[in-house]
Amino acid sequence: MQPRWFIVLFWKAHRALVRVTGGRRGLWRPRDKTWGALRLTTIGRRSGQERSVIVGYYEDGPNLVTMAMNGWGEAEPAWWLNLQTHPKAWVQLSDGTRQVVAHAATGAERDRLWDRWRSLDKDLDGYARRRPTETAVVVLEPVT
């Protein structure tokens, strides 16, 4: 695993690429054996301001599934804390934008979605053991 400073630098560069290109670069759809990348915009739990981050995801029917992993660091990612306070958010995909509402998967749903992530990332369980708490599997459901 890369050092934390490298991960943070990569995140900043990736966000800048997406912002500068209007999402034409840096976002991609998932495929059978790989995850995709989307831009998630939440409302800050303290500031009330929009906050954007790029996260990996895959599709589960109409839902988008990601993990609150913070680069496998110990702390919960700010975007996940924001979604717990304000579950409505927006996602920008490579082919458009949609409004979503988020929830943490639990029980059998979490197990099923975690297994799907495991098929995309063979080191998933090893990385997850680096965190002191269980990594939330976050489901982003389209708002209809």
N, C-alpha and C. Protein backbone atom coordinates (compact mmCIF):
# COMPACT_ATOMS: atom_id res chain seq x y z
N MET A 1 0.84 -1.18 0.00
CA MET A 1 0.00 0.00 0.00
C MET A 1 0.89 1.25 0.00
N GLN A 2 0.45 2.27 -0.71
CA GLN A 2 1.22 3.51 -0.83
C GLN A 2 1.20 4.31 0.47
N PRO A 3 2.22 5.16 0.70
CA PRO A 3 2.20 6.02 1.89
C PRO A 3 1.02 7.00 1.84
N ARG A 4 0.56 7.42 3.01
CA ARG A 4 -0.62 8.30 3.11
C ARG A 4 -0.45 9.58 2.30
N TRP A 5 0.74 10.21 2.34
CA TRP A 5 0.95 11.47 1.61
C TRP A 5 0.74 11.27 0.11
N PHE A 6 1.12 10.11 -0.41
CA PHE A 6 0.95 9.82 -1.83
C PHE A 6 -0.53 9.66 -2.16
N ILE A 7 -1.26 8.97 -1.31
CA ILE A 7 -2.69 8.76 -1.53
C ILE A 7 -3.42 10.11 -1.56
N VAL A 8 -3.11 10.99 -0.59
CA VAL A 8 -3.76 12.31 -0.52
C VAL A 8 -3.41 13.14 -1.75
N LEU A 9 -2.15 13.12 -2.17
CA LEU A 9 -1.73 13.86 -3.36
C LEU A 9 -2.46 13.35 -4.60
N PHE A 10 -2.58 12.03 -4.72
CA PHE A 10 -3.30 11.45 -5.86
C PHE A 10 -4.76 11.90 -5.85
N TRP A 11 -5.41 11.86 -4.67
CA TRP A 11 -6.81 12.29 -4.58
C TRP A 11 -6.97 13.73 -5.07
N LYS A 12 -6.08 14.61 -4.63
CA LYS A 12 -6.18 16.02 -5.03
C LYS A 12 -5.99 16.19 -6.53
N ALA A 13 -5.03 15.48 -7.10
CA ALA A 13 -4.79 15.57 -8.54
C ALA A 13 -5.98 15.01 -9.32
N HIS A 14 -6.56 13.91 -8.84
CA HIS A 14 -7.71 13.30 -9.51
C HIS A 14 -8.91 14.25 -9.49
N ARG A 15 -9.19 14.84 -8.34
CA ARG A 15 -10.30 15.80 -8.25
C ARG A 15 -10.09 16.98 -9.18
N ALA A 16 -8.83 17.48 -9.25
CA ALA A 16 -8.52 18.61 -10.13
C ALA A 16 -8.76 18.23 -11.59
N LEU A 17 -8.35 17.03 -11.99
CA LEU A 17 -8.55 16.56 -13.37
C LEU A 17 -10.04 16.53 -13.71
N VAL A 18 -10.85 15.99 -12.82
CA VAL A 18 -12.29 15.93 -13.06
C VAL A 18 -12.88 17.33 -13.14
N ARG A 19 -12.47 18.20 -12.23
CA ARG A 19 -13.00 19.57 -12.21
C ARG A 19 -12.61 20.33 -13.48
N VAL A 20 -11.34 20.27 -13.88
CA VAL A 20 -10.85 21.02 -15.05
C VAL A 20 -11.49 20.53 -16.34
N THR A 21 -11.73 19.22 -16.44
CA THR A 21 -12.30 18.66 -17.68
C THR A 21 -13.81 18.56 -17.64
N GLY A 22 -14.43 19.02 -16.56
CA GLY A 22 -15.89 18.93 -16.46
C GLY A 22 -16.38 17.50 -16.40
N GLY A 23 -15.51 16.58 -15.95
CA GLY A 23 -15.90 15.18 -15.84
C GLY A 23 -15.63 14.36 -17.09
N ARG A 24 -15.09 15.00 -18.15
CA ARG A 24 -14.79 14.24 -19.37
C ARG A 24 -13.60 13.29 -19.15
N ARG A 25 -12.76 13.58 -18.19
CA ARG A 25 -11.63 12.72 -17.81
C ARG A 25 -11.72 12.45 -16.32
N GLY A 26 -11.32 11.25 -15.93
CA GLY A 26 -11.24 10.92 -14.51
C GLY A 26 -12.45 10.20 -13.95
N LEU A 27 -13.53 10.11 -14.70
CA LEU A 27 -14.71 9.34 -14.29
C LEU A 27 -14.90 8.23 -15.31
N TRP A 28 -15.24 7.04 -14.85
CA TRP A 28 -15.47 5.93 -15.77
C TRP A 28 -16.49 4.98 -15.19
N ARG A 29 -17.13 4.24 -16.09
CA ARG A 29 -18.16 3.26 -15.72
C ARG A 29 -17.49 1.98 -15.24
N PRO A 30 -18.13 1.27 -14.32
CA PRO A 30 -17.59 -0.03 -13.92
C PRO A 30 -17.80 -1.05 -15.04
N ARG A 31 -16.97 -2.07 -15.04
CA ARG A 31 -17.12 -3.19 -15.98
C ARG A 31 -17.26 -4.46 -15.16
N ASP A 32 -17.37 -5.59 -15.82
CA ASP A 32 -17.58 -6.86 -15.12
C ASP A 32 -16.55 -7.13 -14.02
N LYS A 33 -15.29 -6.85 -14.29
CA LYS A 33 -14.24 -7.20 -13.35
C LYS A 33 -13.53 -6.00 -12.74
N THR A 34 -14.05 -4.79 -12.97
CA THR A 34 -13.43 -3.58 -12.41
C THR A 34 -14.50 -2.62 -11.93
N TRP A 35 -14.13 -1.82 -10.95
CA TRP A 35 -15.02 -0.79 -10.43
C TRP A 35 -14.87 0.46 -11.28
N GLY A 36 -15.83 1.37 -11.14
CA GLY A 36 -15.79 2.65 -11.84
C GLY A 36 -15.46 3.77 -10.87
N ALA A 37 -15.46 5.00 -11.37
CA ALA A 37 -15.20 6.18 -10.54
C ALA A 37 -16.30 7.20 -10.79
N LEU A 38 -16.83 7.77 -9.71
CA LEU A 38 -17.85 8.81 -9.79
C LEU A 38 -17.46 9.96 -8.88
N ARG A 39 -18.07 11.11 -9.16
CA ARG A 39 -17.88 12.28 -8.30
C ARG A 39 -19.13 12.42 -7.44
N LEU A 40 -18.93 12.36 -6.13
CA LEU A 40 -20.02 12.44 -5.16
C LEU A 40 -20.00 13.81 -4.52
N THR A 41 -21.14 14.50 -4.54
CA THR A 41 -21.24 15.81 -3.91
C THR A 41 -22.23 15.72 -2.76
N THR A 42 -21.74 16.00 -1.57
CA THR A 42 -22.55 15.97 -0.35
C THR A 42 -22.70 17.39 0.18
N ILE A 43 -23.51 17.53 1.22
CA ILE A 43 -23.64 18.79 1.95
C ILE A 43 -22.88 18.62 3.26
N GLY A 44 -21.96 19.54 3.52
CA GLY A 44 -21.16 19.46 4.74
C GLY A 44 -22.02 19.48 5.98
N ARG A 45 -21.75 18.58 6.91
CA ARG A 45 -22.57 18.45 8.12
C ARG A 45 -22.44 19.66 9.03
N ARG A 46 -21.31 20.36 9.00
CA ARG A 46 -21.14 21.55 9.83
C ARG A 46 -21.22 22.84 9.02
N SER A 47 -20.64 22.82 7.82
CA SER A 47 -20.57 24.05 7.02
C SER A 47 -21.84 24.32 6.23
N GLY A 48 -22.56 23.25 5.85
CA GLY A 48 -23.72 23.41 4.98
C GLY A 48 -23.33 23.67 3.53
N GLN A 49 -22.04 23.62 3.23
CA GLN A 49 -21.52 23.86 1.88
C GLN A 49 -21.40 22.55 1.12
N GLU A 50 -21.45 22.65 -0.21
CA GLU A 50 -21.24 21.46 -1.04
C GLU A 50 -19.79 20.99 -0.93
N ARG A 51 -19.62 19.67 -0.83
CA ARG A 51 -18.30 19.05 -0.76
C ARG A 51 -18.27 17.90 -1.76
N SER A 52 -17.23 17.85 -2.58
CA SER A 52 -17.14 16.81 -3.61
C SER A 52 -15.91 15.93 -3.41
N VAL A 53 -16.06 14.68 -3.78
CA VAL A 53 -14.99 13.69 -3.67
C VAL A 53 -15.18 12.68 -4.79
N ILE A 54 -14.10 12.06 -5.21
CA ILE A 54 -14.17 10.99 -6.20
C ILE A 54 -14.09 9.67 -5.45
N VAL A 55 -15.01 8.75 -5.74
CA VAL A 55 -15.02 7.44 -5.08
C VAL A 55 -15.19 6.34 -6.13
N GLY A 56 -14.69 5.17 -5.79
CA GLY A 56 -14.92 3.99 -6.61
C GLY A 56 -16.32 3.46 -6.35
N TYR A 57 -16.89 2.81 -7.36
CA TYR A 57 -18.25 2.27 -7.20
C TYR A 57 -18.47 1.13 -8.18
N TYR A 58 -19.55 0.42 -7.93
CA TYR A 58 -20.08 -0.50 -8.92
C TYR A 58 -21.59 -0.39 -8.88
N GLU A 59 -22.26 -0.96 -9.89
CA GLU A 59 -23.71 -0.88 -9.99
C GLU A 59 -24.35 -2.14 -9.44
N ASP A 60 -25.42 -1.96 -8.70
CA ASP A 60 -26.22 -3.07 -8.18
C ASP A 60 -27.66 -2.75 -8.56
N GLY A 61 -28.05 -3.18 -9.75
CA GLY A 61 -29.35 -2.77 -10.28
C GLY A 61 -29.31 -1.27 -10.51
N PRO A 62 -30.32 -0.53 -10.04
CA PRO A 62 -30.32 0.92 -10.22
C PRO A 62 -29.44 1.65 -9.20
N ASN A 63 -28.97 0.93 -8.19
CA ASN A 63 -28.17 1.54 -7.12
C ASN A 63 -26.68 1.56 -7.46
N LEU A 64 -25.99 2.51 -6.85
CA LEU A 64 -24.54 2.60 -6.94
C LEU A 64 -24.00 2.23 -5.57
N VAL A 65 -22.93 1.45 -5.53
CA VAL A 65 -22.38 0.95 -4.27
C VAL A 65 -20.94 1.39 -4.14
N THR A 66 -20.60 1.97 -2.99
CA THR A 66 -19.24 2.39 -2.70
C THR A 66 -18.90 2.00 -1.27
N MET A 67 -17.68 2.27 -0.84
CA MET A 67 -17.26 1.95 0.52
C MET A 67 -16.70 3.18 1.18
N ALA A 68 -17.01 3.36 2.46
CA ALA A 68 -16.50 4.48 3.25
C ALA A 68 -15.15 4.07 3.84
N MET A 69 -14.11 4.13 2.99
CA MET A 69 -12.83 3.55 3.39
C MET A 69 -11.73 4.55 3.67
N ASN A 70 -11.83 5.79 3.21
CA ASN A 70 -10.84 6.83 3.49
C ASN A 70 -9.42 6.36 3.17
N GLY A 71 -9.24 5.73 2.02
CA GLY A 71 -7.92 5.25 1.64
C GLY A 71 -7.38 4.22 2.61
N TRP A 72 -8.27 3.51 3.26
CA TRP A 72 -7.96 2.50 4.28
C TRP A 72 -7.32 3.11 5.52
N GLY A 73 -7.46 4.43 5.70
CA GLY A 73 -7.01 5.08 6.93
C GLY A 73 -7.98 4.78 8.06
N GLU A 74 -7.58 5.13 9.27
CA GLU A 74 -8.40 4.81 10.45
C GLU A 74 -9.69 5.61 10.53
N ALA A 75 -9.64 6.89 10.19
CA ALA A 75 -10.81 7.77 10.36
C ALA A 75 -11.87 7.49 9.31
N GLU A 76 -13.11 7.76 9.67
CA GLU A 76 -14.20 7.69 8.70
C GLU A 76 -14.03 8.86 7.73
N PRO A 77 -14.31 8.65 6.43
CA PRO A 77 -14.19 9.77 5.48
C PRO A 77 -15.26 10.83 5.76
N ALA A 78 -14.87 12.09 5.55
CA ALA A 78 -15.79 13.20 5.80
C ALA A 78 -17.07 13.07 4.99
N TRP A 79 -16.95 12.59 3.74
CA TRP A 79 -18.14 12.48 2.90
C TRP A 79 -19.15 11.52 3.50
N TRP A 80 -18.69 10.47 4.18
CA TRP A 80 -19.60 9.51 4.80
C TRP A 80 -20.25 10.14 6.03
N LEU A 81 -19.49 10.87 6.81
CA LEU A 81 -20.07 11.58 7.96
C LEU A 81 -21.11 12.59 7.47
N ASN A 82 -20.82 13.27 6.36
CA ASN A 82 -21.78 14.22 5.78
C ASN A 82 -23.07 13.51 5.36
N LEU A 83 -22.93 12.35 4.71
CA LEU A 83 -24.12 11.62 4.26
C LEU A 83 -24.96 11.11 5.43
N GLN A 84 -24.33 10.81 6.54
CA GLN A 84 -25.10 10.37 7.71
C GLN A 84 -25.96 11.49 8.25
N THR A 85 -25.51 12.73 8.08
CA THR A 85 -26.30 13.89 8.52
C THR A 85 -27.29 14.34 7.44
N HIS A 86 -26.82 14.36 6.20
CA HIS A 86 -27.64 14.78 5.05
C HIS A 86 -27.56 13.68 3.99
N PRO A 87 -28.45 12.68 4.02
CA PRO A 87 -28.32 11.52 3.11
C PRO A 87 -28.57 11.81 1.63
N LYS A 88 -29.18 12.94 1.30
CA LYS A 88 -29.38 13.27 -0.12
C LYS A 88 -28.09 13.87 -0.67
N ALA A 89 -27.72 13.42 -1.88
CA ALA A 89 -26.49 13.88 -2.51
C ALA A 89 -26.66 13.82 -4.02
N TRP A 90 -25.61 14.21 -4.74
CA TRP A 90 -25.58 14.15 -6.20
C TRP A 90 -24.37 13.37 -6.61
N VAL A 91 -24.52 12.59 -7.67
CA VAL A 91 -23.38 11.89 -8.25
C VAL A 91 -23.23 12.31 -9.70
N GLN A 92 -21.99 12.52 -10.09
CA GLN A 92 -21.67 12.76 -11.49
C GLN A 92 -20.98 11.51 -11.99
N LEU A 93 -21.58 10.90 -13.00
CA LEU A 93 -21.02 9.73 -13.65
C LEU A 93 -20.41 10.17 -14.98
N SER A 94 -19.75 9.26 -15.65
CA SER A 94 -19.15 9.61 -16.94
C SER A 94 -20.20 9.99 -17.97
N ASP A 95 -21.46 9.60 -17.73
CA ASP A 95 -22.52 9.88 -18.71
C ASP A 95 -23.66 10.73 -18.15
N GLY A 96 -23.44 11.43 -17.05
CA GLY A 96 -24.49 12.31 -16.55
C GLY A 96 -24.51 12.40 -15.04
N THR A 97 -25.47 13.16 -14.55
CA THR A 97 -25.59 13.44 -13.12
C THR A 97 -26.95 12.96 -12.64
N ARG A 98 -26.99 12.52 -11.39
CA ARG A 98 -28.28 12.14 -10.80
C ARG A 98 -28.27 12.41 -9.29
N GLN A 99 -29.46 12.62 -8.75
CA GLN A 99 -29.60 12.79 -7.31
C GLN A 99 -29.80 11.41 -6.68
N VAL A 100 -29.20 11.22 -5.51
CA VAL A 100 -29.28 9.94 -4.81
C VAL A 100 -29.56 10.18 -3.34
N VAL A 101 -29.96 9.12 -2.67
CA VAL A 101 -30.07 9.11 -1.22
C VAL A 101 -29.26 7.92 -0.73
N ALA A 102 -28.49 8.14 0.34
CA ALA A 102 -27.53 7.14 0.79
C ALA A 102 -27.99 6.42 2.06
N HIS A 103 -27.58 5.16 2.16
CA HIS A 103 -27.73 4.42 3.42
C HIS A 103 -26.62 3.39 3.51
N ALA A 104 -26.31 2.99 4.73
CA ALA A 104 -25.32 1.94 4.95
C ALA A 104 -26.02 0.60 4.82
N ALA A 105 -25.40 -0.29 4.05
CA ALA A 105 -25.94 -1.65 3.93
C ALA A 105 -25.69 -2.39 5.24
N THR A 106 -26.65 -3.21 5.63
CA THR A 106 -26.51 -4.00 6.86
C THR A 106 -26.92 -5.45 6.58
N GLY A 107 -26.53 -6.32 7.48
CA GLY A 107 -26.96 -7.71 7.43
C GLY A 107 -26.62 -8.40 6.13
N ALA A 108 -27.60 -9.14 5.60
CA ALA A 108 -27.40 -9.92 4.38
C ALA A 108 -27.08 -9.03 3.18
N GLU A 109 -27.68 -7.83 3.13
CA GLU A 109 -27.38 -6.91 2.02
C GLU A 109 -25.90 -6.54 2.05
N ARG A 110 -25.38 -6.20 3.23
CA ARG A 110 -23.96 -5.84 3.34
C ARG A 110 -23.07 -7.01 2.93
N ASP A 111 -23.39 -8.20 3.42
CA ASP A 111 -22.60 -9.38 3.07
C ASP A 111 -22.55 -9.60 1.56
N ARG A 112 -23.70 -9.48 0.90
CA ARG A 112 -23.78 -9.68 -0.54
C ARG A 112 -22.97 -8.62 -1.29
N LEU A 113 -23.12 -7.36 -0.88
CA LEU A 113 -22.41 -6.27 -1.56
C LEU A 113 -20.90 -6.34 -1.29
N TRP A 114 -20.51 -6.73 -0.06
CA TRP A 114 -19.09 -6.88 0.27
C TRP A 114 -18.48 -8.00 -0.59
N ASP A 115 -19.20 -9.09 -0.76
CA ASP A 115 -18.71 -10.19 -1.60
C ASP A 115 -18.49 -9.73 -3.04
N ARG A 116 -19.37 -8.89 -3.53
CA ARG A 116 -19.19 -8.35 -4.89
C ARG A 116 -17.92 -7.50 -4.96
N TRP A 117 -17.69 -6.65 -3.93
CA TRP A 117 -16.45 -5.86 -3.90
C TRP A 117 -15.24 -6.79 -3.87
N ARG A 118 -15.34 -7.86 -3.11
CA ARG A 118 -14.24 -8.82 -3.00
C ARG A 118 -13.89 -9.40 -4.37
N SER A 119 -14.90 -9.59 -5.23
CA SER A 119 -14.63 -10.12 -6.57
C SER A 119 -13.90 -9.08 -7.44
N LEU A 120 -14.03 -7.79 -7.10
CA LEU A 120 -13.36 -6.73 -7.84
C LEU A 120 -11.98 -6.42 -7.29
N ASP A 121 -11.76 -6.71 -6.01
CA ASP A 121 -10.49 -6.40 -5.34
C ASP A 121 -10.10 -7.57 -4.45
N LYS A 122 -9.17 -8.36 -4.90
CA LYS A 122 -8.77 -9.57 -4.18
C LYS A 122 -8.13 -9.27 -2.82
N ASP A 123 -7.59 -8.05 -2.61
CA ASP A 123 -6.94 -7.68 -1.35
C ASP A 123 -7.89 -6.99 -0.38
N LEU A 124 -9.18 -6.97 -0.70
CA LEU A 124 -10.16 -6.21 0.09
C LEU A 124 -10.12 -6.55 1.58
N ASP A 125 -10.16 -7.81 1.93
CA ASP A 125 -10.21 -8.18 3.34
C ASP A 125 -8.92 -7.78 4.07
N GLY A 126 -7.79 -7.90 3.42
CA GLY A 126 -6.52 -7.49 4.02
C GLY A 126 -6.49 -6.00 4.28
N TYR A 127 -6.95 -5.21 3.31
CA TYR A 127 -7.01 -3.76 3.51
C TYR A 127 -7.99 -3.41 4.63
N ALA A 128 -9.13 -4.06 4.65
CA ALA A 128 -10.15 -3.77 5.66
C ALA A 128 -9.64 -4.06 7.07
N ARG A 129 -8.77 -5.05 7.21
CA ARG A 129 -8.22 -5.35 8.54
C ARG A 129 -7.33 -4.24 9.08
N ARG A 130 -6.89 -3.33 8.23
CA ARG A 130 -6.07 -2.20 8.66
C ARG A 130 -6.89 -1.17 9.44
N ARG A 131 -8.19 -1.21 9.28
CA ARG A 131 -9.05 -0.22 9.92
C ARG A 131 -9.55 -0.75 11.26
N PRO A 132 -9.65 0.11 12.28
CA PRO A 132 -10.10 -0.35 13.60
C PRO A 132 -11.60 -0.62 13.68
N THR A 133 -12.36 -0.11 12.72
CA THR A 133 -13.81 -0.33 12.71
C THR A 133 -14.23 -0.92 11.37
N GLU A 134 -15.41 -1.50 11.35
CA GLU A 134 -15.93 -2.08 10.12
C GLU A 134 -16.13 -0.99 9.06
N THR A 135 -15.73 -1.28 7.84
CA THR A 135 -15.89 -0.34 6.74
C THR A 135 -17.33 -0.38 6.25
N ALA A 136 -17.97 0.78 6.23
CA ALA A 136 -19.36 0.86 5.78
C ALA A 136 -19.44 0.63 4.28
N VAL A 137 -20.40 -0.19 3.87
CA VAL A 137 -20.75 -0.34 2.46
C VAL A 137 -21.92 0.62 2.24
N VAL A 138 -21.72 1.60 1.37
CA VAL A 138 -22.70 2.67 1.20
C VAL A 138 -23.46 2.46 -0.11
N VAL A 139 -24.78 2.45 0.01
CA VAL A 139 -25.67 2.28 -1.14
C VAL A 139 -26.24 3.66 -1.49
N LEU A 140 -26.08 4.04 -2.76
CA LEU A 140 -26.61 5.30 -3.25
C LEU A 140 -27.79 4.98 -4.16
N GLU A 141 -28.99 5.21 -3.66
CA GLU A 141 -30.22 4.89 -4.41
C GLU A 141 -30.67 6.12 -5.18
N PRO A 142 -31.09 5.95 -6.43
CA PRO A 142 -31.59 7.10 -7.20
C PRO A 142 -32.86 7.66 -6.56
N VAL A 143 -32.95 8.99 -6.57
CA VAL A 143 -34.16 9.66 -6.09
C VAL A 143 -35.13 9.71 -7.25
N THR A 144 -36.34 9.23 -7.02
CA THR A 144 -37.33 9.20 -8.10
C THR A 144 -38.40 10.25 -7.89
